[in-house]
Amino acid sequence: MTTFEKIQEIIVDQLGKEEEEVQLTTNFREELDADSLDLFQILNDIEDAFEEYDVKIETDEGLTTVQDLVNFVDKQIIANK
């Protein structure tokens, strides 16, 4: 499973969306109507899912699209391997 697929699965579960609605270009707030509590839970779930790589996401600042989040997580995975 790729980083995107795992993150997509978490977002779909958390927000009750369809997989087709969660693509790399999808904006959390504008297209998925995610509020700060939703984003907080998504980020926590992602940290749990990638804990073997010690992924930590302190803030959602600058993470406006799914692609931003995938890139952020991938960078941490590479740095912590």
C-alpha atoms as a PDB file:
ATOM      1  CA  MET A   1       0.000   0.000   0.000  1.00  0.00           C
ATOM      2  CA  THR A   2       1.377   3.403  -0.949  1.00  0.00           C
ATOM      3  CA  THR A   3       1.511   6.413   1.355  1.00  0.00           C
ATOM      4  CA  PHE A   4      -1.326   7.990  -0.637  1.00  0.00           C
ATOM      5  CA  GLU A   5      -3.522   4.885  -0.391  1.00  0.00           C
ATOM      6  CA  LYS A   6      -3.051   4.645   3.370  1.00  0.00           C
ATOM      7  CA  ILE A   7      -3.751   8.368   3.854  1.00  0.00           C
ATOM      8  CA  GLN A   8      -6.731   8.178   1.497  1.00  0.00           C
ATOM      9  CA  GLU A   9      -8.153   5.284   3.531  1.00  0.00           C
ATOM     10  CA  ILE A  10      -7.791   7.268   6.774  1.00  0.00           C
ATOM     11  CA  ILE A  11      -9.502  10.339   5.288  1.00  0.00           C
ATOM     12  CA  VAL A  12     -12.339   8.257   3.830  1.00  0.00           C
ATOM     13  CA  ASP A  13     -12.904   6.547   7.203  1.00  0.00           C
ATOM     14  CA  GLN A  14     -12.681   9.768   9.208  1.00  0.00           C
ATOM     15  CA  LEU A  15     -14.858  11.972   7.001  1.00  0.00           C
ATOM     16  CA  GLY A  16     -17.245   9.348   5.613  1.00  0.00           C
ATOM     17  CA  LYS A  17     -16.338  10.240   2.033  1.00  0.00           C
ATOM     18  CA  GLU A  18     -16.019   8.038  -1.043  1.00  0.00           C
ATOM     19  CA  GLU A  19     -12.531   7.106  -2.296  1.00  0.00           C
ATOM     20  CA  GLU A  20     -13.179   8.981  -5.553  1.00  0.00           C
ATOM     21  CA  GLU A  21     -13.655  12.194  -3.554  1.00  0.00           C
ATOM     22  CA  VAL A  22     -10.184  11.942  -2.000  1.00  0.00           C
ATOM     23  CA  GLN A  23      -7.516  12.498  -4.651  1.00  0.00           C
ATOM     24  CA  LEU A  24      -4.053  14.070  -4.490  1.00  0.00           C
ATOM     25  CA  THR A  25      -5.370  17.474  -5.554  1.00  0.00           C
ATOM     26  CA  THR A  26      -8.266  17.441  -3.072  1.00  0.00           C
ATOM     27  CA  ASN A  27      -8.364  20.384  -0.653  1.00  0.00           C
ATOM     28  CA  PHE A  28      -9.297  19.385   2.905  1.00  0.00           C
ATOM     29  CA  ARG A  29     -11.356  22.414   3.843  1.00  0.00           C
ATOM     30  CA  GLU A  30     -12.829  23.497   0.506  1.00  0.00           C
ATOM     31  CA  GLU A  31     -13.634  20.133  -1.077  1.00  0.00           C
ATOM     32  CA  LEU A  32     -13.992  17.793   1.907  1.00  0.00           C
ATOM     33  CA  ASP A  33     -15.503  20.321   4.355  1.00  0.00           C
ATOM     34  CA  ALA A  34     -13.025  19.190   7.020  1.00  0.00           C
ATOM     35  CA  ASP A  35     -12.876  21.397  10.102  1.00  0.00           C
ATOM     36  CA  SER A  36      -9.916  21.688  12.462  1.00  0.00           C
ATOM     37  CA  LEU A  37     -11.166  18.849  14.659  1.00  0.00           C
ATOM     38  CA  ASP A  38     -11.459  16.570  11.604  1.00  0.00           C
ATOM     39  CA  LEU A  39      -7.930  17.492  10.536  1.00  0.00           C
ATOM     40  CA  PHE A  40      -6.594  16.913  14.047  1.00  0.00           C
ATOM     41  CA  GLN A  41      -8.079  13.404  14.088  1.00  0.00           C
ATOM     42  CA  ILE A  42      -6.814  12.644  10.572  1.00  0.00           C
ATOM     43  CA  LEU A  43      -3.294  13.743  11.523  1.00  0.00           C
ATOM     44  CA  ASN A  44      -3.394  11.635  14.699  1.00  0.00           C
ATOM     45  CA  ASP A  45      -4.565   8.602  12.722  1.00  0.00           C
ATOM     46  CA  ILE A  46      -1.768   9.141  10.194  1.00  0.00           C
ATOM     47  CA  GLU A  47       0.823   9.336  12.982  1.00  0.00           C
ATOM     48  CA  ASP A  48      -0.531   6.036  14.349  1.00  0.00           C
ATOM     49  CA  ALA A  49      -0.538   4.395  10.908  1.00  0.00           C
ATOM     50  CA  PHE A  50       3.066   5.424  10.244  1.00  0.00           C
ATOM     51  CA  GLU A  51       4.418   5.096  13.799  1.00  0.00           C
ATOM     52  CA  GLU A  52       7.035   2.561  12.671  1.00  0.00           C
ATOM     53  CA  TYR A  53       8.633   5.475  10.764  1.00  0.00           C
ATOM     54  CA  ASP A  54       8.232   7.865  13.719  1.00  0.00           C
ATOM     55  CA  VAL A  55       6.086  10.263  11.675  1.00  0.00           C
ATOM     56  CA  LYS A  56       5.122  13.356  13.674  1.00  0.00           C
ATOM     57  CA  ILE A  57       2.803  16.071  12.394  1.00  0.00           C
ATOM     58  CA  GLU A  58       2.806  19.023  14.778  1.00  0.00           C
ATOM     59  CA  THR A  59       0.466  21.276  12.828  1.00  0.00           C
ATOM     60  CA  ASP A  60      -1.737  21.256   9.748  1.00  0.00           C
ATOM     61  CA  GLU A  61      -0.229  24.573   8.656  1.00  0.00           C
ATOM     62  CA  GLY A  62       0.681  24.418   4.987  1.00  0.00           C
ATOM     63  CA  LEU A  63      -1.088  21.086   4.546  1.00  0.00           C
ATOM     64  CA  THR A  64      -4.039  22.172   2.443  1.00  0.00           C
ATOM     65  CA  THR A  65      -4.270  19.301  -0.038  1.00  0.00           C
ATOM     66  CA  VAL A  66      -3.891  15.544   0.170  1.00  0.00           C
ATOM     67  CA  GLN A  67      -0.701  15.898  -1.914  1.00  0.00           C
ATOM     68  CA  ASP A  68       0.793  18.259   0.694  1.00  0.00           C
ATOM     69  CA  LEU A  69       0.137  15.675   3.382  1.00  0.00           C
ATOM     70  CA  VAL A  70       1.513  12.759   1.331  1.00  0.00           C
ATOM     71  CA  ASN A  71       4.701  14.735   0.562  1.00  0.00           C
ATOM     72  CA  PHE A  72       5.112  15.658   4.249  1.00  0.00           C
ATOM     73  CA  VAL A  73       4.728  12.045   5.400  1.00  0.00           C
ATOM     74  CA  ASP A  74       7.005  10.697   2.644  1.00  0.00           C
ATOM     75  CA  LYS A  75       9.767  13.137   3.641  1.00  0.00           C
ATOM     76  CA  GLN A  76       9.563  11.964   7.251  1.00  0.00           C
ATOM     77  CA  ILE A  77       9.585   8.298   6.241  1.00  0.00           C
ATOM     78  CA  ILE A  78      12.735   8.829   4.164  1.00  0.00           C
ATOM     79  CA  ALA A  79      14.400  10.842   6.923  1.00  0.00           C
ATOM     80  CA  ASN A  80      13.625   8.230   9.582  1.00  0.00           C
ATOM     81  CA  LYS A  81      14.520   5.056   7.680  1.00  0.00           C
END
